[in-house]
C-alpha atoms as a PDB file:
ATOM      1  CA  MET A   1      14.408 -13.076  12.850  1.00  0.00           C
ATOM      2  CA  PHE A   2      10.952 -11.777  11.258  1.00  0.00           C
ATOM      3  CA  THR A   3       7.204 -13.528  11.187  1.00  0.00           C
ATOM      4  CA  GLY A   4       6.325 -11.863   8.043  1.00  0.00           C
ATOM      5  CA  ILE A   5       3.316 -10.161   9.721  1.00  0.00           C
ATOM      6  CA  ILE A   6       3.492  -6.599   8.877  1.00  0.00           C
ATOM      7  CA  GLU A   7       3.098  -4.042  11.741  1.00  0.00           C
ATOM      8  CA  THR A   8       2.564  -0.907   9.839  1.00  0.00           C
ATOM      9  CA  LEU A   9       3.242   0.980   6.555  1.00  0.00           C
ATOM     10  CA  GLY A  10       5.908   3.745   6.363  1.00  0.00           C
ATOM     11  CA  THR A  11       6.544   6.487   3.855  1.00  0.00           C
ATOM     12  CA  ILE A  12       9.922   7.408   2.277  1.00  0.00           C
ATOM     13  CA  SER A  13      10.414  11.063   3.075  1.00  0.00           C
ATOM     14  CA  LYS A  14      13.862  11.602   1.705  1.00  0.00           C
ATOM     15  CA  ILE A  15      16.559   9.520  -0.509  1.00  0.00           C
ATOM     16  CA  GLU A  16      20.011  10.453  -0.073  1.00  0.00           C
ATOM     17  CA  LYS A  17      22.959   8.841  -2.012  1.00  0.00           C
ATOM     18  CA  GLU A  18      26.725   8.740  -0.414  1.00  0.00           C
ATOM     19  CA  GLY A  19      28.879   6.753  -2.358  1.00  0.00           C
ATOM     20  CA  THR A  20      27.133   3.387  -3.484  1.00  0.00           C
ATOM     21  CA  ASN A  21      25.285   3.551  -0.688  1.00  0.00           C
ATOM     22  CA  PHE A  22      21.815   4.887  -0.003  1.00  0.00           C
ATOM     23  CA  HIS A  23      19.967   6.745   2.763  1.00  0.00           C
ATOM     24  CA  PHE A  24      16.336   6.200   3.400  1.00  0.00           C
ATOM     25  CA  ASP A  25      14.230   8.407   5.506  1.00  0.00           C
ATOM     26  CA  ILE A  26      11.267   7.021   6.450  1.00  0.00           C
ATOM     27  CA  GLU A  27       8.472   8.319   8.515  1.00  0.00           C
ATOM     28  CA  SER A  28       6.368   5.833  10.614  1.00  0.00           C
ATOM     29  CA  PRO A  29       3.953   6.126  13.307  1.00  0.00           C
ATOM     30  CA  ILE A  30       6.533   3.519  15.136  1.00  0.00           C
ATOM     31  CA  THR A  31       9.544   5.746  14.734  1.00  0.00           C
ATOM     32  CA  SER A  32       9.199   6.631  18.457  1.00  0.00           C
ATOM     33  CA  GLU A  33       9.356   2.970  19.510  1.00  0.00           C
ATOM     34  CA  LEU A  34      12.603   2.455  17.616  1.00  0.00           C
ATOM     35  CA  LYS A  35      16.301   2.817  18.765  1.00  0.00           C
ATOM     36  CA  ILE A  36      19.600   3.181  17.096  1.00  0.00           C
ATOM     37  CA  ASP A  37      21.083  -0.148  15.740  1.00  0.00           C
ATOM     38  CA  GLN A  38      17.581  -1.844  15.813  1.00  0.00           C
ATOM     39  CA  SER A  39      16.879  -4.121  12.831  1.00  0.00           C
ATOM     40  CA  VAL A  40      13.689  -3.474  11.038  1.00  0.00           C
ATOM     41  CA  ALA A  41      12.397  -5.232   7.800  1.00  0.00           C
ATOM     42  CA  HIS A  42      11.353  -2.957   4.985  1.00  0.00           C
ATOM     43  CA  ASN A  43       9.561  -4.801   2.374  1.00  0.00           C
ATOM     44  CA  GLY A  44      11.099  -7.974   3.640  1.00  0.00           C
ATOM     45  CA  VAL A  45      14.660  -6.386   3.387  1.00  0.00           C
ATOM     46  CA  CYS A  46      16.425  -6.451   6.954  1.00  0.00           C
ATOM     47  CA  LEU A  47      17.860  -2.768   7.318  1.00  0.00           C
ATOM     48  CA  THR A  48      19.665  -1.148  10.598  1.00  0.00           C
ATOM     49  CA  VAL A  49      18.169   1.767  12.061  1.00  0.00           C
ATOM     50  CA  VAL A  50      20.887   4.460  11.967  1.00  0.00           C
ATOM     51  CA  ALA A  51      19.233   7.624  13.034  1.00  0.00           C
ATOM     52  CA  ILE A  52      16.080   8.884  14.789  1.00  0.00           C
ATOM     53  CA  ASN A  53      14.804  12.535  14.414  1.00  0.00           C
ATOM     54  CA  GLY A  54      10.804  13.092  15.709  1.00  0.00           C
ATOM     55  CA  ALA A  55       8.788  10.971  13.393  1.00  0.00           C
ATOM     56  CA  ILE A  56      11.467   9.779  11.039  1.00  0.00           C
ATOM     57  CA  TYR A  57      14.304   7.720  11.056  1.00  0.00           C
ATOM     58  CA  ARG A  58      17.248   6.806   8.812  1.00  0.00           C
ATOM     59  CA  VAL A  59      18.115   3.241   7.199  1.00  0.00           C
ATOM     60  CA  THR A  60      21.067   2.669   4.812  1.00  0.00           C
ATOM     61  CA  ALA A  61      21.326   0.015   1.966  1.00  0.00           C
ATOM     62  CA  ILE A  62      24.503  -0.935   0.577  1.00  0.00           C
ATOM     63  CA  ASP A  63      25.218  -1.508  -3.103  1.00  0.00           C
ATOM     64  CA  GLU A  64      24.650  -5.294  -2.998  1.00  0.00           C
ATOM     65  CA  THR A  65      21.177  -4.916  -1.052  1.00  0.00           C
ATOM     66  CA  LEU A  66      20.403  -2.145  -3.843  1.00  0.00           C
ATOM     67  CA  ARG A  67      21.231  -4.924  -7.047  1.00  0.00           C
ATOM     68  CA  LYS A  68      19.432  -7.871  -5.324  1.00  0.00           C
ATOM     69  CA  THR A  69      16.115  -6.204  -4.058  1.00  0.00           C
ATOM     70  CA  SER A  70      13.688  -3.844  -5.356  1.00  0.00           C
ATOM     71  CA  LEU A  71      15.118  -0.999  -2.898  1.00  0.00           C
ATOM     72  CA  LYS A  72      16.472   0.265  -6.238  1.00  0.00           C
ATOM     73  CA  ASN A  73      13.277   1.392  -7.427  1.00  0.00           C
ATOM     74  CA  TRP A  74      12.158   3.305  -4.110  1.00  0.00           C
ATOM     75  CA  LYS A  75      10.992   6.968  -4.568  1.00  0.00           C
ATOM     76  CA  VAL A  76      10.040   9.859  -2.211  1.00  0.00           C
ATOM     77  CA  GLY A  77       6.439   9.015  -1.311  1.00  0.00           C
ATOM     78  CA  LYS A  78       6.350   5.267  -1.548  1.00  0.00           C
ATOM     79  CA  LYS A  79       5.033   3.347   0.899  1.00  0.00           C
ATOM     80  CA  VAL A  80       7.078   0.077   2.461  1.00  0.00           C
ATOM     81  CA  ASN A  81       5.857  -2.646   4.842  1.00  0.00           C
ATOM     82  CA  ILE A  82       7.501  -2.684   8.205  1.00  0.00           C
ATOM     83  CA  GLU A  83       8.053  -5.079  10.800  1.00  0.00           C
ATOM     84  CA  ARG A  84      10.683  -5.299  13.781  1.00  0.00           C
ATOM     85  CA  CYS A  85      12.038  -8.203  14.815  1.00  0.00           C
ATOM     86  CA  MET A  86       9.951 -10.938  16.828  1.00  0.00           C
ATOM     87  CA  PRO A  87      10.694 -10.746  20.699  1.00  0.00           C
ATOM     88  CA  ALA A  88      12.228 -13.912  22.180  1.00  0.00           C
ATOM     89  CA  ASN A  89       8.684 -14.335  23.953  1.00  0.00           C
ATOM     90  CA  GLY A  90       6.926 -13.587  20.622  1.00  0.00           C
ATOM     91  CA  ARG A  91       4.129 -15.443  18.976  1.00  0.00           C
ATOM     92  CA  PHE A  92       4.970 -17.131  15.127  1.00  0.00           C
ATOM     93  CA  ASP A  93       1.895 -16.003  13.463  1.00  0.00           C
ATOM     94  CA  GLY A  94       3.550 -15.883   9.986  1.00  0.00           C
ATOM     95  CA  HIS A  95       6.531 -18.339   9.385  1.00  0.00           C
ATOM     96  CA  ILE A  96      10.334 -17.854   9.956  1.00  0.00           C
ATOM     97  CA  VAL A  97      11.361 -14.838   8.169  1.00  0.00           C
ATOM     98  CA  GLN A  98      15.063 -13.996   7.882  1.00  0.00           C
ATOM     99  CA  GLY A  99      14.711 -10.712   6.260  1.00  0.00           C
ATOM    100  CA  HIS A 100      17.462 -11.855   3.475  1.00  0.00           C
ATOM    101  CA  VAL A 101      15.565 -11.356   0.035  1.00  0.00           C
ATOM    102  CA  ASP A 102      16.809 -14.268  -2.282  1.00  0.00           C
ATOM    103  CA  GLN A 103      15.505 -12.405  -5.124  1.00  0.00           C
ATOM    104  CA  VAL A 104      13.118  -9.961  -6.878  1.00  0.00           C
ATOM    105  CA  GLY A 105       9.822 -10.877  -8.630  1.00  0.00           C
ATOM    106  CA  ARG A 106       7.038  -9.305 -10.917  1.00  0.00           C
ATOM    107  CA  VAL A 107       3.398  -8.981 -10.406  1.00  0.00           C
ATOM    108  CA  GLU A 108       1.871 -10.433 -13.619  1.00  0.00           C
ATOM    109  CA  ALA A 109      -1.785 -10.176 -12.863  1.00  0.00           C
ATOM    110  CA  ILE A 110      -3.947  -8.927 -10.023  1.00  0.00           C
ATOM    111  CA  SER A 111      -7.661  -9.992 -10.263  1.00  0.00           C
ATOM    112  CA  GLU A 112     -10.357  -9.244  -7.789  1.00  0.00           C
ATOM    113  CA  GLN A 113     -12.526 -12.254  -6.326  1.00  0.00           C
ATOM    114  CA  ASP A 114     -15.576 -10.746  -5.052  1.00  0.00           C
ATOM    115  CA  GLY A 115     -13.794  -9.099  -1.690  1.00  0.00           C
ATOM    116  CA  SER A 116     -10.349 -10.435  -2.112  1.00  0.00           C
ATOM    117  CA  TRP A 117      -7.626 -10.549  -4.309  1.00  0.00           C
ATOM    118  CA  ILE A 118      -5.467 -12.801  -6.213  1.00  0.00           C
ATOM    119  CA  PHE A 119      -1.904 -11.925  -7.407  1.00  0.00           C
ATOM    120  CA  ASP A 120       0.173 -13.727  -9.715  1.00  0.00           C
ATOM    121  CA  PHE A 121       3.805 -13.276  -9.973  1.00  0.00           C
ATOM    122  CA  SER A 122       6.678 -14.491 -11.931  1.00  0.00           C
ATOM    123  CA  PHE A 123      10.478 -14.874 -10.732  1.00  0.00           C
ATOM    124  CA  ASP A 124      13.651 -16.193 -12.258  1.00  0.00           C
ATOM    125  CA  SER A 125      13.826 -20.092 -11.749  1.00  0.00           C
ATOM    126  CA  ASN A 126      17.292 -20.459 -13.132  1.00  0.00           C
ATOM    127  CA  SER A 127      18.217 -19.140  -9.293  1.00  0.00           C
ATOM    128  CA  GLY A 128      17.532 -22.037  -8.080  1.00  0.00           C
ATOM    129  CA  ASN A 129      14.618 -21.135  -5.771  1.00  0.00           C
ATOM    130  CA  VAL A 130      11.258 -23.322  -5.962  1.00  0.00           C
ATOM    131  CA  THR A 131       7.943 -22.667  -4.232  1.00  0.00           C
ATOM    132  CA  VAL A 132       5.713 -25.740  -2.623  1.00  0.00           C
ATOM    133  CA  GLU A 133       1.847 -25.777  -3.242  1.00  0.00           C
ATOM    134  CA  LYS A 134       0.382 -24.505  -0.205  1.00  0.00           C
ATOM    135  CA  GLY A 135       3.868 -23.622   1.167  1.00  0.00           C
ATOM    136  CA  SER A 136       5.179 -20.143   2.660  1.00  0.00           C
ATOM    137  CA  ILE A 137       6.487 -17.563   0.693  1.00  0.00           C
ATOM    138  CA  THR A 138       7.294 -13.993   1.722  1.00  0.00           C
ATOM    139  CA  VAL A 139       6.257 -11.188  -0.717  1.00  0.00           C
ATOM    140  CA  ASN A 140       7.702  -7.496   0.148  1.00  0.00           C
ATOM    141  CA  GLY A 141       7.890  -8.901   3.630  1.00  0.00           C
ATOM    142  CA  THR A 142       4.460 -10.349   3.985  1.00  0.00           C
ATOM    143  CA  SER A 143       4.285 -13.893   5.149  1.00  0.00           C
ATOM    144  CA  LEU A 144       1.661 -15.561   2.467  1.00  0.00           C
ATOM    145  CA  THR A 145       0.581 -19.212   1.114  1.00  0.00           C
ATOM    146  CA  CYS A 146       1.441 -20.112  -2.308  1.00  0.00           C
ATOM    147  CA  PHE A 147      -0.940 -21.908  -4.744  1.00  0.00           C
ATOM    148  CA  ASN A 148      -0.758 -22.397  -8.339  1.00  0.00           C
ATOM    149  CA  SER A 149       2.605 -23.067  -7.618  1.00  0.00           C
ATOM    150  CA  LYS A 150       4.718 -23.842 -11.061  1.00  0.00           C
ATOM    151  CA  ASN A 151       8.172 -23.510 -12.520  1.00  0.00           C
ATOM    152  CA  GLY A 152       8.982 -19.420 -12.239  1.00  0.00           C
ATOM    153  CA  ARG A 153       5.216 -18.622 -11.138  1.00  0.00           C
ATOM    154  CA  PHE A 154       2.898 -18.890  -8.273  1.00  0.00           C
ATOM    155  CA  SER A 155      -0.163 -16.773  -6.854  1.00  0.00           C
ATOM    156  CA  VAL A 156      -1.329 -15.740  -3.484  1.00  0.00           C
ATOM    157  CA  ALA A 157      -4.721 -14.672  -2.452  1.00  0.00           C
ATOM    158  CA  ILE A 158      -4.776 -11.242  -0.357  1.00  0.00           C
ATOM    159  CA  ILE A 159      -7.698 -10.723   1.982  1.00  0.00           C
ATOM    160  CA  PRO A 160      -9.001  -7.194   2.393  1.00  0.00           C
ATOM    161  CA  TYR A 161      -7.232  -6.724   5.682  1.00  0.00           C
ATOM    162  CA  THR A 162      -3.701  -7.736   4.156  1.00  0.00           C
ATOM    163  CA  TYR A 163      -4.807  -5.413   1.214  1.00  0.00           C
ATOM    164  CA  GLU A 164      -5.436  -2.393   3.094  1.00  0.00           C
ATOM    165  CA  PHE A 165      -2.590  -2.600   5.635  1.00  0.00           C
ATOM    166  CA  THR A 166       0.360  -3.441   3.900  1.00  0.00           C
ATOM    167  CA  ASN A 167       1.459  -2.338   0.399  1.00  0.00           C
ATOM    168  CA  PHE A 168      -0.322  -4.686  -2.052  1.00  0.00           C
ATOM    169  CA  HIS A 169      -2.943  -1.750  -2.493  1.00  0.00           C
ATOM    170  CA  GLN A 170      -0.296  -0.042  -4.362  1.00  0.00           C
ATOM    171  CA  LEU A 171       0.965  -2.938  -6.349  1.00  0.00           C
ATOM    172  CA  LYS A 172       0.672  -2.859 -10.222  1.00  0.00           C
ATOM    173  CA  VAL A 173       1.111  -5.141 -13.126  1.00  0.00           C
ATOM    174  CA  GLY A 174       4.744  -5.095 -13.740  1.00  0.00           C
ATOM    175  CA  ASP A 175       6.043  -4.024 -10.538  1.00  0.00           C
ATOM    176  CA  GLU A 176       9.123  -5.706  -8.851  1.00  0.00           C
ATOM    177  CA  VAL A 177       8.602  -7.397  -5.322  1.00  0.00           C
ATOM    178  CA  ASN A 178      11.178  -8.976  -2.918  1.00  0.00           C
ATOM    179  CA  LEU A 179      10.969 -12.745  -2.565  1.00  0.00           C
ATOM    180  CA  GLU A 180      11.893 -14.736   0.351  1.00  0.00           C
ATOM    181  CA  PHE A 181      11.577 -18.551  -0.087  1.00  0.00           C
ATOM    182  CA  ASP A 182      10.745 -21.065   2.733  1.00  0.00           C
ATOM    183  CA  VAL A 183      13.776 -21.153   4.797  1.00  0.00           C
ATOM    184  CA  ILE A 184      13.076 -24.943   5.287  1.00  0.00           C
ATOM    185  CA  GLY A 185      12.572 -25.547   1.808  1.00  0.00           C
ATOM    186  CA  LYS A 186      15.749 -23.758   0.699  1.00  0.00           C
ATOM    187  CA  TYR A 187      17.989 -26.148   3.048  1.00  0.00           C
ATOM    188  CA  ILE A 188      16.288 -29.031   1.890  1.00  0.00           C
ATOM    189  CA  GLN A 189      16.830 -28.331  -1.720  1.00  0.00           C
ATOM    190  CA  ARG A 190      20.400 -27.753  -0.743  1.00  0.00           C
ATOM    191  CA  ILE A 191      20.766 -31.421   0.728  1.00  0.00           C
ATOM    192  CA  ILE A 192      19.168 -32.987  -2.213  1.00  0.00           C
ATOM    193  CA  ARG A 193      21.356 -30.662  -4.686  1.00  0.00           C
ATOM    194  CA  GLY A 194      24.208 -31.996  -2.477  1.00  0.00           C
ATOM    195  CA  TYR A 195      23.768 -35.247  -2.953  1.00  0.00           C
ATOM    196  CA  SER A 196      23.037 -35.529  -6.454  1.00  0.00           C
ATOM    197  CA  GLU A 197      26.478 -33.559  -7.552  1.00  0.00           C
END
């Protein structure tokens, strides 16, 4: 389980294809604290550490993960948001995040607001996912609060700290992002759908 509070940024140093799988080598300032078999969220995608070599560690993404997330667009040199699992005695500074991306979204607009930024996102609402005004959303692994919540669209406000210490400062209009919708909202929606079917 994660909380959506990004610990650090990692940089992709190598990408290697093996069958339908892709191995990503990532350089990170916390590599020395990682261990093999550890689960780490990368732009919101939970991946397992399979090898460690100095400041670089390796994770593997299967075809299913590549098809359903933005990992298929990763390139060498790209910076990714990294968060380790929350310890059992940890504090929930964000919200409950599973590291299971529901779908990709797209950056529709970015506007600077005198020291902060507003990001507008769209997503395919046919998937059944919804946002709630002032509810939680995870964008590239970052716990955020929705506003302007509409069918297939929402906005988030990004403060300078988040902008600098996550990869939000690299996002451009048209970029794909990983979205994980609020787990409580997902369960409520499934219960309601179950009663209406």
